[in-house]
Amino acid sequence: MNLYNRYLLPRLTHLAMRQHVLRRYRQQTLAGAHGVVLELGFGSGLNLSFYDPERVSQLYALEPEQGMLELARTRIEQAPFPVEILQIGAEQIPLPEASVDTVVSTWTLCTIPGVEQALAEVRRVLKPQGVFLFTEHGLSPEARVARWQRRLTPYWRRCAGGCHLDRNTEALLKAAGFTLDKLDTGYLGPLKAMAYMYTGRARPGSSLPS
């Protein structure tokens, strides 16, 4: 682990993700969280204040990067419900099958190296009636923008913690066997290559993907 990833990148990520324009996405996504919650890519804990403490009984905070967890320490200590840190990648979630009511992912699927395996793990730990709440950025439906996303991603990944600009969240979820109950898409701002948003709610489908 180099000094950039250990010390500088967590702080840059925290500053970028605390922007006021992202608050409405957090509010919209986390409003449906309930029961036992697993948050993928917990980061510096910016989502904590958006959970309803009367609806959440337990939060598992999955975050592999020590630098991010250090920034989250104070927020975790002040949380109104129990928070258990899982310092591991999402490809191997250390929770029993069908043990989670809600899985949350906000701007995280873009960074997971084995995203298909991670989504299989999300499906495994979710209860049959559980929900997957997400806000992600990814592949634009505009061909010109998508071409730029694919060109930029190899370089962007190196300085942005493995972030992919060209992942299609909708396609990934469907391929992993999820049923989309709700999906809103659109650009967040003028930087189209970095700001095509996918926000919604999914649930485990009735059959495993082939």
Protein backbone atom coordinates (compact mmCIF):
# COMPACT_ATOMS: atom_id res chain seq x y z
CA MET A 1 0.00 0.00 0.00
CA ASN A 2 1.60 3.31 -1.05
CA LEU A 3 1.35 6.61 0.78
CA TYR A 4 -1.11 8.04 -1.73
CA ASN A 5 -3.66 5.23 -1.22
CA ARG A 6 -3.11 5.11 2.54
CA TYR A 7 -3.25 8.80 3.44
CA LEU A 8 -4.05 11.17 0.57
CA LEU A 9 -6.70 9.29 -1.41
CA PRO A 10 -9.05 8.76 1.59
CA ARG A 11 -9.04 12.49 2.33
CA LEU A 12 -9.58 13.46 -1.29
CA THR A 13 -12.43 10.96 -1.54
CA HIS A 14 -14.02 12.27 1.65
CA LEU A 15 -13.89 15.85 0.39
CA ALA A 16 -15.37 14.90 -2.98
CA MET A 17 -18.17 12.78 -1.51
CA ARG A 18 -19.29 15.29 1.12
CA GLN A 19 -20.50 17.76 -1.55
CA HIS A 20 -23.92 19.18 -0.82
CA VAL A 21 -25.24 18.19 -4.26
CA LEU A 22 -24.95 14.51 -3.26
CA ARG A 23 -27.15 14.88 -0.17
CA ARG A 24 -30.44 14.34 -2.01
CA TYR A 25 -29.13 11.08 -3.45
CA ARG A 26 -28.17 9.88 0.02
CA GLN A 27 -31.55 10.90 1.43
CA GLN A 28 -33.46 9.24 -1.38
CA THR A 29 -31.44 6.02 -1.20
CA LEU A 30 -31.25 5.56 2.56
CA ALA A 31 -34.90 6.39 3.29
CA GLY A 32 -35.81 2.76 2.63
CA ALA A 33 -33.11 1.17 4.82
CA HIS A 34 -34.45 -0.93 7.67
CA GLY A 35 -33.60 -3.73 10.08
CA VAL A 36 -30.14 -5.25 9.80
CA VAL A 37 -28.25 -3.19 7.22
CA LEU A 38 -25.04 -3.94 5.33
CA GLU A 39 -23.36 -0.93 3.74
CA LEU A 40 -20.85 -1.65 0.99
CA GLY A 41 -17.99 0.83 0.78
CA PHE A 42 -18.74 2.53 4.11
CA GLY A 43 -15.91 4.99 3.46
CA SER A 44 -15.70 7.87 5.93
CA GLY A 45 -19.22 7.23 7.24
CA LEU A 46 -21.00 10.03 5.40
CA ASN A 47 -24.21 7.98 5.14
CA LEU A 48 -24.60 7.51 8.89
CA SER A 49 -26.59 10.68 9.51
CA PHE A 50 -29.14 9.71 6.81
CA TYR A 51 -30.26 6.44 8.39
CA ASP A 52 -33.46 6.47 10.43
CA PRO A 53 -32.40 5.21 13.89
CA GLU A 54 -35.96 4.05 14.58
CA ARG A 55 -35.86 1.72 11.58
CA VAL A 56 -32.26 0.46 11.65
CA SER A 57 -31.33 -2.06 14.35
CA GLN A 58 -27.76 -2.92 13.29
CA LEU A 59 -25.31 -1.68 10.67
CA TYR A 60 -22.46 -3.70 9.20
CA ALA A 61 -19.95 -1.24 7.75
CA LEU A 62 -17.95 -3.00 5.05
CA GLU A 63 -14.82 -1.04 4.13
CA PRO A 64 -11.45 -2.55 3.16
CA GLU A 65 -9.39 0.66 3.41
CA GLN A 66 -7.93 1.53 6.80
CA GLY A 67 -7.51 5.18 5.84
CA MET A 68 -11.23 5.57 5.24
CA LEU A 69 -12.13 3.87 8.52
CA GLU A 70 -9.87 6.24 10.43
CA LEU A 71 -11.83 9.18 9.00
CA ALA A 72 -15.09 7.47 10.03
CA ARG A 73 -14.12 6.78 13.65
CA THR A 74 -15.92 9.73 15.27
CA ARG A 75 -19.11 9.18 13.25
CA ILE A 76 -19.15 5.51 14.23
CA GLU A 77 -18.72 6.36 17.92
CA GLN A 78 -21.68 8.75 17.73
CA ALA A 79 -24.01 6.45 15.77
CA PRO A 80 -27.44 5.88 17.39
CA PHE A 81 -27.35 2.14 16.63
CA PRO A 82 -24.66 -0.58 16.77
CA VAL A 83 -22.07 -0.39 13.98
CA GLU A 84 -19.78 -3.34 13.30
CA ILE A 85 -16.83 -2.81 10.96
CA LEU A 86 -16.07 -5.46 8.35
CA GLN A 87 -12.63 -4.57 7.02
CA ILE A 88 -12.72 -6.69 3.90
CA GLY A 89 -13.67 -6.46 0.25
CA ALA A 90 -17.24 -7.08 -0.90
CA GLU A 91 -16.23 -10.19 -2.85
CA GLN A 92 -16.23 -12.22 0.41
CA ILE A 93 -18.83 -10.84 2.82
CA PRO A 94 -18.33 -12.52 6.23
CA LEU A 95 -22.05 -12.81 7.06
CA PRO A 96 -24.41 -15.79 7.03
CA GLU A 97 -26.79 -16.50 4.18
CA ALA A 98 -30.11 -14.60 4.31
CA SER A 99 -29.07 -12.57 7.38
CA VAL A 100 -29.51 -9.00 6.13
CA ASP A 101 -32.67 -6.96 5.56
CA THR A 102 -31.09 -4.13 3.56
CA VAL A 103 -27.89 -3.74 1.55
CA VAL A 104 -26.80 -0.19 0.70
CA SER A 105 -24.31 0.91 -1.93
CA THR A 106 -23.61 4.57 -2.68
CA TRP A 107 -20.94 5.20 -5.32
CA THR A 108 -19.24 1.90 -4.49
CA LEU A 109 -19.88 -0.66 -7.24
CA CYS A 110 -17.62 1.34 -9.54
CA THR A 111 -14.58 0.57 -7.35
CA ILE A 112 -15.00 -3.13 -6.51
CA PRO A 113 -12.49 -5.23 -8.50
CA GLY A 114 -14.70 -8.33 -8.64
CA VAL A 115 -18.07 -6.61 -8.92
CA GLU A 116 -19.90 -9.68 -10.26
CA GLN A 117 -18.70 -11.79 -7.33
CA ALA A 118 -19.63 -8.99 -4.92
CA LEU A 119 -23.19 -8.85 -6.26
CA ALA A 120 -23.46 -12.62 -5.89
CA GLU A 121 -22.44 -12.17 -2.25
CA VAL A 122 -25.02 -9.40 -1.79
CA ARG A 123 -27.69 -11.73 -3.12
CA ARG A 124 -26.49 -14.50 -0.78
CA VAL A 125 -26.64 -12.45 2.43
CA LEU A 126 -29.94 -10.73 1.65
CA LYS A 127 -33.12 -12.22 3.08
CA PRO A 128 -35.64 -13.37 0.42
CA GLN A 129 -37.71 -10.23 1.05
CA GLY A 130 -34.66 -8.00 1.52
CA VAL A 131 -33.82 -4.94 -0.57
CA PHE A 132 -30.70 -3.60 -2.25
CA LEU A 133 -30.70 0.22 -2.25
CA PHE A 134 -28.17 1.89 -4.54
CA THR A 135 -26.90 5.12 -5.99
CA GLU A 136 -24.10 4.67 -8.49
CA HIS A 137 -22.49 6.44 -11.40
CA GLY A 138 -21.62 4.62 -14.57
CA LEU A 139 -22.03 4.03 -18.26
CA SER A 140 -23.96 6.66 -20.18
CA PRO A 141 -26.52 5.64 -22.84
CA GLU A 142 -25.07 8.31 -25.15
CA ALA A 143 -22.59 6.63 -27.49
CA ARG A 144 -20.23 9.63 -27.61
CA VAL A 145 -20.09 9.92 -23.83
CA ALA A 146 -19.70 6.16 -23.40
CA ARG A 147 -16.71 6.14 -25.76
CA TRP A 148 -15.01 8.77 -23.63
CA GLN A 149 -15.84 6.85 -20.47
CA ARG A 150 -14.15 3.75 -21.85
CA ARG A 151 -11.11 5.75 -22.97
CA LEU A 152 -10.71 7.52 -19.64
CA THR A 153 -11.36 4.60 -17.28
CA PRO A 154 -7.89 2.96 -17.47
CA TYR A 155 -6.28 6.25 -16.42
CA TRP A 156 -8.99 7.34 -13.97
CA ARG A 157 -8.80 4.02 -12.10
CA ARG A 158 -5.16 4.62 -11.20
CA CYS A 159 -5.78 7.88 -9.37
CA ALA A 160 -9.34 7.30 -8.10
CA GLY A 161 -9.10 4.12 -6.05
CA GLY A 162 -10.02 1.76 -8.88
CA CYS A 163 -13.13 3.70 -9.93
CA HIS A 164 -14.61 2.65 -13.28
CA LEU A 165 -16.52 5.26 -15.27
CA ASP A 166 -18.03 2.71 -17.66
CA ARG A 167 -19.93 0.16 -15.55
CA ASN A 168 -23.60 -0.34 -16.35
CA THR A 169 -25.27 -0.73 -12.96
CA GLU A 170 -28.61 -1.83 -14.39
CA ALA A 171 -27.03 -4.57 -16.52
CA LEU A 172 -24.82 -5.76 -13.66
CA LEU A 173 -27.77 -6.11 -11.29
CA LYS A 174 -29.91 -7.98 -13.79
CA ALA A 175 -27.04 -10.31 -14.67
CA ALA A 176 -26.60 -11.05 -10.95
CA GLY A 177 -30.24 -12.16 -10.66
CA PHE A 178 -31.78 -9.04 -9.14
CA THR A 179 -35.20 -7.66 -10.00
CA LEU A 180 -35.32 -3.88 -10.26
CA ASP A 181 -38.33 -2.42 -8.46
CA LYS A 182 -37.27 1.15 -9.16
CA LEU A 183 -34.59 2.80 -11.28
CA ASP A 184 -33.97 6.49 -11.92
CA THR A 185 -31.19 7.59 -14.26
CA GLY A 186 -29.79 10.87 -15.52
CA TYR A 187 -26.84 13.21 -15.41
CA LEU A 188 -25.88 14.85 -12.16
CA GLY A 189 -23.96 17.68 -13.79
CA PRO A 190 -22.17 18.88 -16.91
CA LEU A 191 -19.23 16.45 -16.61
CA LYS A 192 -21.18 13.74 -18.35
CA ALA A 193 -18.38 11.16 -18.40
CA MET A 194 -18.31 11.13 -14.60
CA ALA A 195 -21.90 11.92 -13.70
CA TYR A 196 -24.42 9.53 -15.25
CA MET A 197 -26.38 8.31 -12.23
CA TYR A 198 -28.26 5.10 -11.46
CA THR A 199 -30.46 5.30 -8.34
CA GLY A 200 -32.96 2.69 -7.29
CA ARG A 201 -34.11 -0.36 -5.40
CA ALA A 202 -33.64 -4.02 -6.28
CA ARG A 203 -34.52 -7.32 -4.67
CA PRO A 204 -33.28 -10.89 -5.12
CA GLY A 205 -34.99 -12.57 -8.04
CA SER A 206 -36.83 -15.85 -7.64
CA SER A 207 -34.17 -17.85 -9.49
CA LEU A 208 -30.40 -17.84 -9.67
CA PRO A 209 -28.75 -16.33 -12.77
CA SER A 210 -27.66 -18.84 -15.38
